[in-house]
C-alpha atoms as a PDB file:
ATOM      1  CA  UNK A   1      18.365  -4.012  16.245  1.00  0.00           C
ATOM      2  CA  UNK A   2      16.366  -5.978  13.668  1.00  0.00           C
ATOM      3  CA  UNK A   3      16.173  -2.975  11.351  1.00  0.00           C
ATOM      4  CA  UNK A   4      19.807  -3.512  10.401  1.00  0.00           C
ATOM      5  CA  UNK A   5      18.632  -6.619   8.542  1.00  0.00           C
ATOM      6  CA  UNK A   6      16.397  -4.499   6.336  1.00  0.00           C
ATOM      7  CA  UNK A   7      17.505  -2.763   3.167  1.00  0.00           C
ATOM      8  CA  UNK A   8      16.393   0.738   2.253  1.00  0.00           C
ATOM      9  CA  UNK A   9      16.399   2.217  -1.261  1.00  0.00           C
ATOM     10  CA  UNK A  10      15.408   5.715  -2.407  1.00  0.00           C
ATOM     11  CA  UNK A  11      14.194   6.612  -5.896  1.00  0.00           C
ATOM     12  CA  UNK A  12      16.427   8.926  -7.886  1.00  0.00           C
ATOM     13  CA  UNK A  13      14.360  10.701 -10.499  1.00  0.00           C
ATOM     14  CA  UNK A  14      17.358  11.908 -12.520  1.00  0.00           C
ATOM     15  CA  UNK A  15      18.695   8.458 -13.416  1.00  0.00           C
ATOM     16  CA  UNK A  16      15.350   6.649 -13.001  1.00  0.00           C
ATOM     17  CA  UNK A  17      16.704   4.144 -10.518  1.00  0.00           C
ATOM     18  CA  UNK A  18      17.053   3.460  -6.819  1.00  0.00           C
ATOM     19  CA  UNK A  19      20.077   4.033  -4.614  1.00  0.00           C
ATOM     20  CA  UNK A  20      20.703   2.092  -1.430  1.00  0.00           C
ATOM     21  CA  UNK A  21      20.604   4.101   1.797  1.00  0.00           C
ATOM     22  CA  UNK A  22      22.831   2.899   4.633  1.00  0.00           C
ATOM     23  CA  UNK A  23      20.782   2.446   7.806  1.00  0.00           C
ATOM     24  CA  UNK A  24      23.219   2.277  10.690  1.00  0.00           C
ATOM     25  CA  UNK A  25      21.541   3.807  13.728  1.00  0.00           C
ATOM     26  CA  UNK A  26      17.986   4.651  14.533  1.00  0.00           C
ATOM     27  CA  UNK A  27      14.665   3.585  13.102  1.00  0.00           C
ATOM     28  CA  UNK A  28      14.026   3.538   9.362  1.00  0.00           C
ATOM     29  CA  UNK A  29      11.282   6.161   9.586  1.00  0.00           C
ATOM     30  CA  UNK A  30      13.960   8.789  10.287  1.00  0.00           C
ATOM     31  CA  UNK A  31      15.057   8.492   6.623  1.00  0.00           C
ATOM     32  CA  UNK A  32      11.599   8.787   5.048  1.00  0.00           C
ATOM     33  CA  UNK A  33      10.551  12.157   3.630  1.00  0.00           C
ATOM     34  CA  UNK A  34       7.320  13.306   1.996  1.00  0.00           C
ATOM     35  CA  UNK A  35       8.910  14.271  -1.336  1.00  0.00           C
ATOM     36  CA  UNK A  36      10.459  10.845  -1.950  1.00  0.00           C
ATOM     37  CA  UNK A  37       9.644   7.221  -2.589  1.00  0.00           C
ATOM     38  CA  UNK A  38      11.461   4.443  -0.775  1.00  0.00           C
ATOM     39  CA  UNK A  39      11.650   0.685  -1.168  1.00  0.00           C
ATOM     40  CA  UNK A  40      12.200  -1.321   2.002  1.00  0.00           C
ATOM     41  CA  UNK A  41      13.237  -4.962   1.739  1.00  0.00           C
ATOM     42  CA  UNK A  42      12.085  -7.066   4.696  1.00  0.00           C
ATOM     43  CA  UNK A  43      13.860 -10.440   4.333  1.00  0.00           C
ATOM     44  CA  UNK A  44      12.330 -11.791   7.560  1.00  0.00           C
ATOM     45  CA  UNK A  45       8.756 -11.557   6.241  1.00  0.00           C
ATOM     46  CA  UNK A  46       9.733 -11.780   2.544  1.00  0.00           C
ATOM     47  CA  UNK A  47       8.148  -8.429   1.809  1.00  0.00           C
ATOM     48  CA  UNK A  48       9.068  -5.495  -0.421  1.00  0.00           C
ATOM     49  CA  UNK A  49       7.415  -2.252   0.663  1.00  0.00           C
ATOM     50  CA  UNK A  50       7.115   0.702  -1.723  1.00  0.00           C
ATOM     51  CA  UNK A  51       6.462   3.761   0.440  1.00  0.00           C
ATOM     52  CA  UNK A  52       5.099   6.804  -1.400  1.00  0.00           C
ATOM     53  CA  UNK A  53       5.676  10.138   0.300  1.00  0.00           C
ATOM     54  CA  UNK A  54       2.540  12.295   0.081  1.00  0.00           C
ATOM     55  CA  UNK A  55       4.362  14.963  -1.969  1.00  0.00           C
ATOM     56  CA  UNK A  56       6.225  12.582  -4.306  1.00  0.00           C
ATOM     57  CA  UNK A  57       5.785  13.258  -8.003  1.00  0.00           C
ATOM     58  CA  UNK A  58       3.725  11.061 -10.312  1.00  0.00           C
ATOM     59  CA  UNK A  59       6.892  10.411 -12.315  1.00  0.00           C
ATOM     60  CA  UNK A  60       8.654   9.012  -9.231  1.00  0.00           C
ATOM     61  CA  UNK A  61       5.665   6.745  -8.544  1.00  0.00           C
ATOM     62  CA  UNK A  62       5.798   5.463 -12.115  1.00  0.00           C
ATOM     63  CA  UNK A  63       9.544   4.775 -11.902  1.00  0.00           C
ATOM     64  CA  UNK A  64       9.087   3.004  -8.568  1.00  0.00           C
ATOM     65  CA  UNK A  65       6.370   0.750  -9.961  1.00  0.00           C
ATOM     66  CA  UNK A  66       8.639  -0.252 -12.851  1.00  0.00           C
ATOM     67  CA  UNK A  67      11.851  -0.720 -10.843  1.00  0.00           C
ATOM     68  CA  UNK A  68      10.576  -2.392  -7.648  1.00  0.00           C
ATOM     69  CA  UNK A  69      10.258  -5.855  -9.269  1.00  0.00           C
ATOM     70  CA  UNK A  70      13.922  -5.637 -10.325  1.00  0.00           C
ATOM     71  CA  UNK A  71      14.974  -4.912  -6.751  1.00  0.00           C
ATOM     72  CA  UNK A  72      12.736  -7.713  -5.474  1.00  0.00           C
ATOM     73  CA  UNK A  73      14.230 -10.193  -7.925  1.00  0.00           C
ATOM     74  CA  UNK A  74      17.708  -9.444  -6.542  1.00  0.00           C
ATOM     75  CA  UNK A  75      16.649 -10.545  -3.043  1.00  0.00           C
ATOM     76  CA  UNK A  76      13.939 -13.128  -3.556  1.00  0.00           C
ATOM     77  CA  UNK A  77      11.512 -13.689  -6.400  1.00  0.00           C
ATOM     78  CA  UNK A  78       8.965 -15.001  -3.898  1.00  0.00           C
ATOM     79  CA  UNK A  79       8.886 -11.693  -1.967  1.00  0.00           C
ATOM     80  CA  UNK A  80       5.521  -9.925  -1.968  1.00  0.00           C
ATOM     81  CA  UNK A  81       5.443  -6.303  -3.190  1.00  0.00           C
ATOM     82  CA  UNK A  82       3.144  -3.896  -1.343  1.00  0.00           C
ATOM     83  CA  UNK A  83       2.711  -0.215  -2.197  1.00  0.00           C
ATOM     84  CA  UNK A  84       1.602   2.121   0.582  1.00  0.00           C
ATOM     85  CA  UNK A  85       0.996   5.840   0.861  1.00  0.00           C
ATOM     86  CA  UNK A  86       2.276   8.135   3.565  1.00  0.00           C
ATOM     87  CA  UNK A  87      -0.424   8.542   6.195  1.00  0.00           C
ATOM     88  CA  UNK A  88      -2.101   5.222   5.321  1.00  0.00           C
ATOM     89  CA  UNK A  89       0.580   2.823   6.542  1.00  0.00           C
ATOM     90  CA  UNK A  90      -0.648  -0.494   7.992  1.00  0.00           C
ATOM     91  CA  UNK A  91       0.389  -1.466  11.517  1.00  0.00           C
ATOM     92  CA  UNK A  92       2.864  -4.080  10.223  1.00  0.00           C
ATOM     93  CA  UNK A  93       4.724  -1.402   8.280  1.00  0.00           C
ATOM     94  CA  UNK A  94       4.675   1.041  11.196  1.00  0.00           C
ATOM     95  CA  UNK A  95       6.281  -1.598  13.417  1.00  0.00           C
ATOM     96  CA  UNK A  96       8.890  -2.328  10.751  1.00  0.00           C
ATOM     97  CA  UNK A  97      10.025   1.288  10.398  1.00  0.00           C
ATOM     98  CA  UNK A  98       9.619   2.263  14.060  1.00  0.00           C
ATOM     99  CA  UNK A  99       6.591   4.556  13.861  1.00  0.00           C
END
């Protein structure tokens, strides 16, 4: 499955950073939850997606906006960063995560 090439990170509010989530089986959307914010690295399309769950706190959104460029720089400084909200995902993102 192509999704195994993608990297998934979840914001941790306590330490103001992201942790990597191991995606072994199943589509990425199975890991997403409305109270969290995730960063998905798509090396095929050179894209960094910041997915905001609809119930995620403002503080988490702020942390994500500050930390996402650091994650991007670890994988490719030419990667585009796109922020999207739960319920307003574009078709490209839906295909990526298996929605």
